[in-house]
N, C-alpha and C. Protein backbone atom coordinates (compact mmCIF):
# COMPACT_ATOMS: atom_id res chain seq x y z
N UNK A 1 13.91 4.80 4.32
CA UNK A 1 14.92 3.81 3.60
C UNK A 1 14.95 2.77 2.75
N UNK A 2 13.56 2.80 2.16
CA UNK A 2 12.81 2.16 0.84
C UNK A 2 14.33 1.71 -0.11
N UNK A 3 14.24 -0.03 0.11
CA UNK A 3 14.48 -0.66 -0.68
C UNK A 3 16.02 -1.71 0.61
N UNK A 4 16.20 -0.89 1.33
CA UNK A 4 17.09 -1.43 2.73
C UNK A 4 16.63 -2.04 3.51
N UNK A 5 16.56 -3.26 3.56
CA UNK A 5 15.70 -4.46 4.29
C UNK A 5 16.50 -4.71 5.56
N UNK A 6 16.04 -4.72 6.54
CA UNK A 6 16.47 -5.66 7.74
C UNK A 6 15.55 -5.96 8.65
N UNK A 7 15.61 -6.69 9.26
CA UNK A 7 14.39 -7.21 9.92
C UNK A 7 15.13 -8.70 10.42
N UNK A 8 13.71 -9.57 11.84
CA UNK A 8 14.33 -10.25 12.08
C UNK A 8 13.21 -11.27 11.80
N UNK A 9 12.72 -12.56 12.38
CA UNK A 9 12.05 -13.52 12.65
C UNK A 9 11.61 -14.26 13.69
N UNK A 10 10.07 -14.19 14.24
CA UNK A 10 10.09 -15.07 15.56
C UNK A 10 9.46 -16.18 15.10
N UNK A 11 10.26 -17.33 15.05
CA UNK A 11 9.69 -19.06 14.84
C UNK A 11 9.89 -20.15 15.58
N UNK A 12 9.34 -21.11 15.33
CA UNK A 12 9.75 -22.23 16.80
C UNK A 12 10.90 -22.45 16.45
N UNK A 13 10.94 -23.37 17.62
CA UNK A 13 13.08 -23.30 17.53
C UNK A 13 13.07 -24.39 16.75
N UNK A 14 12.30 -25.14 16.37
CA UNK A 14 12.55 -26.55 15.00
C UNK A 14 12.31 -25.91 14.04
N UNK A 15 11.99 -25.13 13.65
CA UNK A 15 11.93 -24.06 12.30
C UNK A 15 13.09 -23.47 11.97
N UNK A 16 14.15 -23.18 13.02
CA UNK A 16 14.75 -21.98 13.03
C UNK A 16 16.44 -22.62 12.19
N UNK A 17 16.58 -23.29 12.46
CA UNK A 17 18.13 -23.61 11.53
C UNK A 17 17.43 -24.18 9.67
N UNK A 18 16.46 -24.93 9.43
CA UNK A 18 16.03 -24.68 8.03
C UNK A 18 15.97 -23.14 7.65
N UNK A 19 15.16 -21.94 8.17
CA UNK A 19 15.01 -21.32 7.69
C UNK A 19 16.45 -20.07 7.76
N UNK A 20 17.43 -20.63 8.31
CA UNK A 20 18.66 -20.21 8.47
C UNK A 20 19.36 -20.60 7.13
N UNK A 21 19.09 -21.41 6.97
CA UNK A 21 19.78 -22.38 5.88
C UNK A 21 18.92 -21.50 4.29
N UNK A 22 17.67 -21.51 4.56
CA UNK A 22 17.23 -20.64 3.42
C UNK A 22 17.53 -19.15 3.51
N UNK A 23 17.73 -18.71 3.99
CA UNK A 23 17.97 -17.36 4.25
C UNK A 23 19.47 -16.81 3.59
N UNK A 24 20.08 -17.93 4.08
CA UNK A 24 22.27 -17.64 4.10
C UNK A 24 21.63 -18.00 2.39
N UNK A 25 20.77 -18.58 1.67
CA UNK A 25 20.59 -18.84 0.18
C UNK A 25 20.02 -17.76 -0.82
N UNK A 26 19.36 -17.13 -0.14
CA UNK A 26 18.43 -15.74 -0.43
C UNK A 26 19.36 -14.64 -0.04
N UNK A 27 19.66 -14.04 0.96
CA UNK A 27 20.59 -13.30 1.33
C UNK A 27 22.03 -13.20 1.68
N UNK A 28 23.15 -12.23 1.71
CA UNK A 28 23.82 -12.67 1.89
C UNK A 28 24.35 -11.76 3.12
N UNK A 29 24.14 -10.35 3.51
CA UNK A 29 23.94 -10.03 3.96
C UNK A 29 23.43 -8.03 4.14
N UNK A 30 22.90 -7.83 5.46
CA UNK A 30 22.69 -6.39 5.60
C UNK A 30 23.94 -5.30 5.79
N UNK A 31 23.96 -4.47 4.36
CA UNK A 31 25.33 -3.74 4.77
C UNK A 31 25.20 -3.03 5.97
N UNK A 32 26.51 -2.59 6.29
CA UNK A 32 26.72 -1.92 7.55
C UNK A 32 25.75 -1.04 7.74
N UNK A 33 25.74 0.33 7.21
CA UNK A 33 25.12 1.12 7.63
C UNK A 33 23.47 1.43 7.89
N UNK A 34 23.18 -0.22 7.14
CA UNK A 34 21.49 -0.02 7.17
C UNK A 34 21.73 -0.94 8.76
N UNK A 35 22.62 -1.60 9.04
CA UNK A 35 22.46 -2.09 10.43
C UNK A 35 22.48 -1.08 11.69
N UNK A 36 23.49 -0.39 11.25
CA UNK A 36 23.52 1.10 11.93
C UNK A 36 22.38 1.81 11.95
N UNK A 37 21.27 1.76 11.15
CA UNK A 37 20.40 2.73 10.92
C UNK A 37 19.46 2.11 11.98
N UNK A 38 19.22 0.77 12.00
CA UNK A 38 18.52 -0.12 12.38
C UNK A 38 18.37 0.03 13.64
N UNK A 39 20.33 -0.15 14.58
CA UNK A 39 20.43 0.61 15.81
C UNK A 39 20.14 1.16 16.97
N UNK A 40 20.04 2.62 15.65
CA UNK A 40 19.54 3.99 15.71
C UNK A 40 18.25 4.17 15.80
N UNK A 41 17.14 3.03 15.15
CA UNK A 41 16.24 3.36 15.36
C UNK A 41 15.16 2.65 16.30
N UNK A 42 15.79 1.62 16.70
CA UNK A 42 15.49 1.22 18.26
C UNK A 42 16.02 1.44 19.21
N UNK A 43 17.45 2.09 19.26
CA UNK A 43 17.27 2.91 20.82
C UNK A 43 16.67 3.97 20.54
N UNK A 44 16.72 4.90 19.02
CA UNK A 44 15.89 6.50 19.29
C UNK A 44 14.36 6.67 18.78
N UNK A 45 14.56 5.65 18.32
CA UNK A 45 13.22 5.74 16.93
C UNK A 45 12.02 5.68 17.74
N UNK A 46 11.75 5.93 18.45
CA UNK A 46 9.97 5.75 18.45
C UNK A 46 9.25 6.74 18.44
N UNK A 47 9.79 8.31 18.86
CA UNK A 47 9.01 9.34 18.54
C UNK A 47 8.26 9.71 16.78
N UNK A 48 9.88 9.40 16.54
CA UNK A 48 9.61 9.28 14.80
C UNK A 48 8.43 8.29 14.27
N UNK A 49 8.63 7.21 15.00
CA UNK A 49 7.05 6.16 14.45
C UNK A 49 5.94 6.37 15.07
N UNK A 50 6.26 6.95 15.87
CA UNK A 50 5.00 7.36 16.50
C UNK A 50 4.25 7.91 15.62
N UNK A 51 5.54 9.16 15.22
CA UNK A 51 4.13 10.33 14.17
C UNK A 51 3.98 9.87 12.75
N UNK A 52 4.83 8.83 12.06
CA UNK A 52 5.15 8.21 11.24
C UNK A 52 3.60 7.24 11.02
N UNK A 53 3.13 6.87 11.98
CA UNK A 53 2.01 5.90 12.44
C UNK A 53 1.09 6.86 12.34
N UNK A 54 0.86 7.77 13.33
CA UNK A 54 -0.54 8.98 12.95
C UNK A 54 -0.71 9.39 11.83
N UNK A 55 0.64 9.62 10.84
CA UNK A 55 0.14 10.12 9.35
C UNK A 55 -0.75 9.47 8.59
N UNK A 56 0.00 7.82 8.46
CA UNK A 56 -0.18 6.38 7.76
C UNK A 56 -1.56 6.69 8.30
N UNK A 57 -2.39 6.57 9.30
CA UNK A 57 -3.66 6.84 9.45
C UNK A 57 -4.39 7.87 9.10
N UNK A 58 -4.11 8.61 9.36
CA UNK A 58 -5.01 9.80 8.75
C UNK A 58 -4.54 9.96 7.39
N UNK A 59 -3.72 9.50 6.68
CA UNK A 59 -3.73 9.23 5.00
C UNK A 59 -4.63 8.62 4.95
N UNK A 60 -4.57 7.47 4.98
CA UNK A 60 -5.10 5.81 5.38
C UNK A 60 -7.04 6.75 5.19
N UNK A 61 -7.55 8.00 6.66
CA UNK A 61 -8.62 7.65 6.70
C UNK A 61 -9.17 8.56 5.45
N UNK A 62 -8.27 9.41 5.44
CA UNK A 62 -8.41 10.75 3.60
C UNK A 62 -8.90 9.87 3.00
N UNK A 63 -8.15 8.69 2.71
CA UNK A 63 -8.20 7.92 1.47
C UNK A 63 -9.77 7.06 1.24
N UNK A 64 -10.05 6.79 2.42
CA UNK A 64 -11.03 5.71 2.47
C UNK A 64 -12.03 6.42 2.37
N UNK A 65 -12.27 7.70 3.18
CA UNK A 65 -13.33 8.46 2.82
C UNK A 65 -13.05 9.12 1.40
N UNK A 66 -12.53 9.61 0.91
CA UNK A 66 -12.63 9.82 -0.66
C UNK A 66 -13.09 8.89 -1.33
N UNK A 67 -12.42 7.94 -1.20
CA UNK A 67 -13.09 6.25 -1.77
C UNK A 67 -14.24 6.17 -1.83
N UNK A 68 -14.78 6.08 -0.31
CA UNK A 68 -16.01 5.96 -0.84
C UNK A 68 -17.06 7.03 -1.06
N UNK A 69 -16.38 8.19 -0.83
CA UNK A 69 -17.33 9.28 -1.46
C UNK A 69 -17.42 9.24 -2.98
N UNK A 70 -16.74 8.75 -3.69
CA UNK A 70 -16.69 8.44 -4.78
C UNK A 70 -17.25 7.78 -5.56
N UNK A 71 -17.78 6.75 -4.53
CA UNK A 71 -18.35 5.75 -4.99
C UNK A 71 -18.14 3.64 -5.30
N UNK A 72 -16.80 4.06 -4.66
CA UNK A 72 -16.08 3.02 -4.54
C UNK A 72 -16.10 2.10 -2.99
N UNK A 73 -16.70 0.82 -3.63
CA UNK A 73 -16.15 0.45 -1.90
C UNK A 73 -15.25 0.10 -1.38
N UNK A 74 -15.16 0.04 0.28
CA UNK A 74 -14.20 -0.03 1.09
C UNK A 74 -14.54 -0.61 2.43
N UNK A 75 -14.87 -2.00 2.13
CA UNK A 75 -15.70 -2.90 3.14
C UNK A 75 -14.84 -2.90 4.73
N UNK A 76 -13.68 -2.65 4.21
CA UNK A 76 -12.86 -3.59 5.85
C UNK A 76 -11.79 -1.91 5.59
N UNK A 77 -11.63 -1.12 6.84
CA UNK A 77 -10.39 0.04 6.52
C UNK A 77 -8.87 -0.50 6.88
N UNK A 78 -8.19 -0.44 6.15
CA UNK A 78 -6.91 -1.24 6.05
C UNK A 78 -5.95 -1.25 7.60
N UNK A 79 -5.30 -2.21 8.06
CA UNK A 79 -4.48 -2.00 9.54
C UNK A 79 -3.67 -2.19 9.61
N UNK A 80 -3.20 -3.11 8.51
CA UNK A 80 -1.63 -2.76 7.94
C UNK A 80 -1.30 -2.25 6.40
N UNK A 81 -0.14 -2.01 6.20
CA UNK A 81 0.68 -1.45 5.17
C UNK A 81 0.59 0.09 4.84
N UNK A 82 -0.08 -0.26 3.64
CA UNK A 82 -0.50 1.33 3.10
C UNK A 82 -0.93 1.21 2.26
N UNK A 83 -2.10 0.75 1.70
CA UNK A 83 -2.63 0.58 0.91
C UNK A 83 -4.21 -0.15 1.13
N UNK A 84 -5.35 0.64 0.44
CA UNK A 84 -6.46 0.40 0.02
C UNK A 84 -7.08 -0.48 -1.26
N UNK A 85 -7.74 -1.59 -0.55
CA UNK A 85 -8.31 -2.10 -1.44
C UNK A 85 -9.49 -1.92 -1.59
N UNK A 86 -10.34 -1.45 -2.79
CA UNK A 86 -11.57 -0.59 -2.98
C UNK A 86 -12.13 -1.05 -4.28
N UNK A 87 -13.44 -2.08 -3.85
CA UNK A 87 -14.56 -1.97 -4.98
C UNK A 87 -14.76 -1.51 -5.85
N UNK A 88 -14.27 -1.57 -7.24
CA UNK A 88 -14.32 -0.59 -8.10
C UNK A 88 -15.29 -0.71 -9.44
N UNK A 89 -16.12 -2.44 -9.17
CA UNK A 89 -17.19 -2.98 -9.81
C UNK A 89 -18.21 -1.50 -9.99
N UNK A 90 -18.98 -0.64 -9.39
CA UNK A 90 -19.12 0.24 -9.86
C UNK A 90 -18.59 0.99 -11.29
N UNK A 91 -18.18 0.91 -11.20
CA UNK A 91 -17.01 1.59 -12.48
C UNK A 91 -16.74 0.77 -13.77
N UNK A 92 -16.50 -0.43 -13.50
CA UNK A 92 -16.09 -1.57 -14.49
C UNK A 92 -16.11 -2.56 -13.97
N UNK A 93 -15.97 -3.66 -14.67
CA UNK A 93 -15.56 -5.33 -13.98
C UNK A 93 -14.04 -5.41 -14.46
N UNK A 94 -13.53 -5.31 -15.44
CA UNK A 94 -12.28 -4.84 -16.10
C UNK A 94 -11.24 -4.20 -15.24
N UNK A 95 -10.60 -4.73 -14.07
CA UNK A 95 -9.85 -4.34 -13.18
C UNK A 95 -8.65 -3.65 -14.00
N UNK A 96 -8.06 -4.21 -14.62
CA UNK A 96 -6.92 -3.66 -15.36
C UNK A 96 -7.47 -2.46 -16.36
N UNK A 97 -8.68 -2.45 -17.20
CA UNK A 97 -8.74 -1.87 -18.49
C UNK A 97 -9.09 -0.13 -17.43
N UNK A 98 -9.44 -0.94 -16.14
CA UNK A 98 -9.71 0.49 -15.90
C UNK A 98 -8.51 1.43 -15.22
N UNK A 99 -7.68 0.86 -14.68
CA UNK A 99 -6.42 1.06 -14.18
C UNK A 99 -5.78 2.12 -15.17
N UNK A 100 -5.84 1.09 -16.28
CA UNK A 100 -5.11 1.59 -17.34
C UNK A 100 -5.66 3.33 -17.62
N UNK A 101 -7.37 3.39 -17.81
CA UNK A 101 -8.28 4.49 -18.03
C UNK A 101 -7.92 5.28 -17.00
N UNK A 102 -7.79 5.25 -15.63
CA UNK A 102 -7.54 6.34 -14.78
C UNK A 102 -6.08 6.76 -14.76
N UNK A 103 -5.12 5.74 -15.23
CA UNK A 103 -3.96 6.50 -15.68
C UNK A 103 -3.89 7.90 -16.38
N UNK A 104 -4.67 7.15 -17.44
CA UNK A 104 -4.48 8.09 -18.22
C UNK A 104 -4.89 9.85 -18.57
N UNK A 105 -6.72 8.77 -18.39
CA UNK A 105 -7.46 10.17 -18.44
C UNK A 105 -7.02 11.03 -16.59
N UNK A 106 -6.73 10.61 -15.68
CA UNK A 106 -6.60 11.32 -14.09
C UNK A 106 -5.32 11.72 -13.99
N UNK A 107 -4.29 10.52 -14.54
CA UNK A 107 -2.99 10.77 -13.75
C UNK A 107 -3.12 9.78 -12.89
N UNK A 108 -3.68 8.97 -12.24
CA UNK A 108 -3.44 8.68 -11.46
C UNK A 108 -3.28 6.98 -11.23
N UNK A 109 -1.85 6.79 -10.69
CA UNK A 109 -1.89 5.14 -10.94
C UNK A 109 -2.25 4.32 -9.96
N UNK A 110 -3.07 3.22 -9.95
CA UNK A 110 -3.49 2.62 -9.09
C UNK A 110 -3.43 0.99 -9.64
N UNK A 111 -3.13 0.01 -9.16
CA UNK A 111 -3.16 -1.15 -9.17
C UNK A 111 -4.24 -2.21 -9.33
N UNK A 112 -4.17 -2.72 -10.20
CA UNK A 112 -5.24 -3.61 -10.79
C UNK A 112 -5.44 -4.66 -10.60
N UNK A 113 -6.62 -4.99 -9.20
CA UNK A 113 -6.62 -6.35 -8.44
C UNK A 113 -6.77 -7.53 -8.98
N UNK A 114 -6.85 -7.45 -10.69
CA UNK A 114 -7.21 -8.86 -11.08
C UNK A 114 -5.46 -9.28 -10.97
N UNK A 115 -4.31 -8.28 -10.75
CA UNK A 115 -2.95 -8.81 -10.78
C UNK A 115 -2.98 -9.45 -9.14
N UNK A 116 -4.13 -9.44 -8.48
CA UNK A 116 -3.42 -10.29 -6.64
C UNK A 116 -4.52 -11.90 -6.98
N UNK A 117 -5.09 -12.21 -8.44
CA UNK A 117 -5.12 -13.70 -8.44
C UNK A 117 -6.99 -12.90 -8.74
N UNK A 118 -7.89 -13.77 -9.72
CA UNK A 118 -9.53 -13.56 -10.11
C UNK A 118 -10.33 -13.41 -9.34
N UNK A 119 -9.94 -14.08 -7.61
CA UNK A 119 -10.65 -12.67 -7.06
C UNK A 119 -10.38 -11.70 -6.68
N UNK A 120 -9.68 -10.70 -7.00
CA UNK A 120 -9.03 -9.64 -7.34
C UNK A 120 -10.09 -8.97 -8.04
N UNK A 121 -10.41 -9.66 -9.58
CA UNK A 121 -10.70 -8.75 -10.60
C UNK A 121 -12.41 -7.82 -9.87
N UNK A 122 -12.39 -6.71 -11.03
CA UNK A 122 -12.91 -5.81 -10.15
C UNK A 122 -13.03 -4.63 -9.19
N UNK A 123 -11.90 -4.73 -8.58
CA UNK A 123 -11.04 -3.83 -7.49
C UNK A 123 -9.91 -3.31 -8.09
N UNK A 124 -9.99 -2.51 -7.61
CA UNK A 124 -8.18 -1.70 -7.35
C UNK A 124 -7.62 -1.22 -6.37
N UNK A 125 -6.36 -1.45 -6.23
CA UNK A 125 -5.30 -1.22 -5.05
C UNK A 125 -4.86 0.37 -5.06
N UNK A 126 -4.90 1.02 -4.14
CA UNK A 126 -4.82 2.26 -4.07
C UNK A 126 -3.76 2.41 -2.84
N UNK A 127 -2.39 3.50 -2.99
CA UNK A 127 -1.75 3.34 -2.14
C UNK A 127 -1.44 5.07 -1.33
N UNK A 128 -1.35 4.99 0.09
CA UNK A 128 -1.52 6.32 0.34
C UNK A 128 -0.23 6.57 1.31
N UNK A 129 0.64 5.52 0.53
CA UNK A 129 2.56 6.52 0.95
C UNK A 129 2.39 7.40 0.49
N UNK A 130 1.97 8.55 0.00
CA UNK A 130 1.95 9.74 0.04
C UNK A 130 1.81 11.44 0.92
N UNK A 131 1.95 12.05 0.79
CA UNK A 131 1.50 13.31 1.17
C UNK A 131 -0.07 13.44 1.00
N UNK A 132 -0.51 14.19 2.31
CA UNK A 132 -2.30 14.85 2.43
C UNK A 132 -2.23 15.01 1.28
N UNK A 133 -0.94 16.24 1.04
CA UNK A 133 -1.79 17.04 -0.22
C UNK A 133 -2.11 15.92 -1.68
N UNK A 134 -1.38 15.48 -1.86
CA UNK A 134 -1.17 13.84 -3.15
C UNK A 134 -2.24 13.42 -3.15
N UNK A 135 -2.74 12.89 -1.90
CA UNK A 135 -3.83 12.38 -1.75
C UNK A 135 -4.97 13.09 -2.26
N UNK A 136 -5.26 14.57 -1.91
CA UNK A 136 -6.06 14.99 -2.02
C UNK A 136 -6.45 15.72 -3.40
N UNK A 137 -5.22 15.65 -3.94
CA UNK A 137 -5.00 16.14 -5.80
C UNK A 137 -5.94 14.39 -6.46
N UNK A 138 -5.54 13.20 -6.03
CA UNK A 138 -5.71 12.04 -6.34
C UNK A 138 -7.54 11.94 -6.33
N UNK A 139 -7.75 12.19 -5.66
CA UNK A 139 -9.39 12.31 -5.36
C UNK A 139 -9.49 13.25 -6.33
N UNK A 140 -9.08 14.29 -6.23
CA UNK A 140 -9.81 15.48 -7.36
C UNK A 140 -10.03 14.91 -8.50
N UNK A 141 -8.94 14.49 -9.15
CA UNK A 141 -8.76 14.56 -10.32
C UNK A 141 -9.86 12.70 -10.77
N UNK A 142 -9.96 12.13 -9.87
CA UNK A 142 -10.77 10.89 -10.33
C UNK A 142 -12.41 11.37 -9.61
N UNK A 143 -12.80 12.00 -9.08
CA UNK A 143 -13.95 12.95 -8.95
C UNK A 143 -14.10 13.43 -10.97
N UNK A 144 -13.40 13.91 -11.05
CA UNK A 144 -13.24 15.00 -12.49
C UNK A 144 -13.18 12.99 -13.87
N UNK A 145 -12.65 12.29 -13.73
CA UNK A 145 -12.50 11.32 -14.53
C UNK A 145 -13.91 10.30 -14.40
N UNK A 146 -13.91 9.99 -12.81
CA UNK A 146 -15.18 8.92 -13.08
C UNK A 146 -16.11 9.02 -13.42
N UNK A 147 -17.12 10.17 -13.67
CA UNK A 147 -18.25 10.19 -13.56
C UNK A 147 -18.93 9.58 -14.83
N UNK A 148 -18.50 9.45 -15.89
CA UNK A 148 -18.27 8.96 -17.40
C UNK A 148 -18.29 7.10 -17.71
N UNK A 149 -17.77 6.98 -16.09
CA UNK A 149 -17.65 5.32 -16.41
C UNK A 149 -18.80 5.20 -15.39
N UNK A 150 -19.37 5.39 -15.02
CA UNK A 150 -20.67 5.12 -14.14
C UNK A 150 -21.74 4.39 -15.42
N UNK A 151 -22.34 3.16 -15.05
CA UNK A 151 -23.36 2.51 -15.53
C UNK A 151 -24.40 3.36 -16.02
């Protein structure tokens, strides 16, 4: 249900009303079908969530191992979301230039770390919200493209 948002917030009682006012100005309402899907997910989605959690953990571990094997630094294994933030300074200092080069040469899309602020320069963000096969293919393409980038 990418793009269809449904959620809730836990907040201190004194913050609830200001958050309601903010919410009323940012959101109209969740679509009816999204609300029904949320009810179904809460009532019957446990096994699907467990399977998804396992799949993402497997993909994360595959990507972290692959990136480390290629020479990227991954000091912390992600515990949330589906992104790996990898130190790419062994290949280049300019994360934007490296991201564009990898897109051109390896056809692998990444997000330059500098997009997250100056402290992210020299890093790349990789998403593992893809199939196992796509992750393996991306690692193979990176392996072919990166050796020429080593200092």
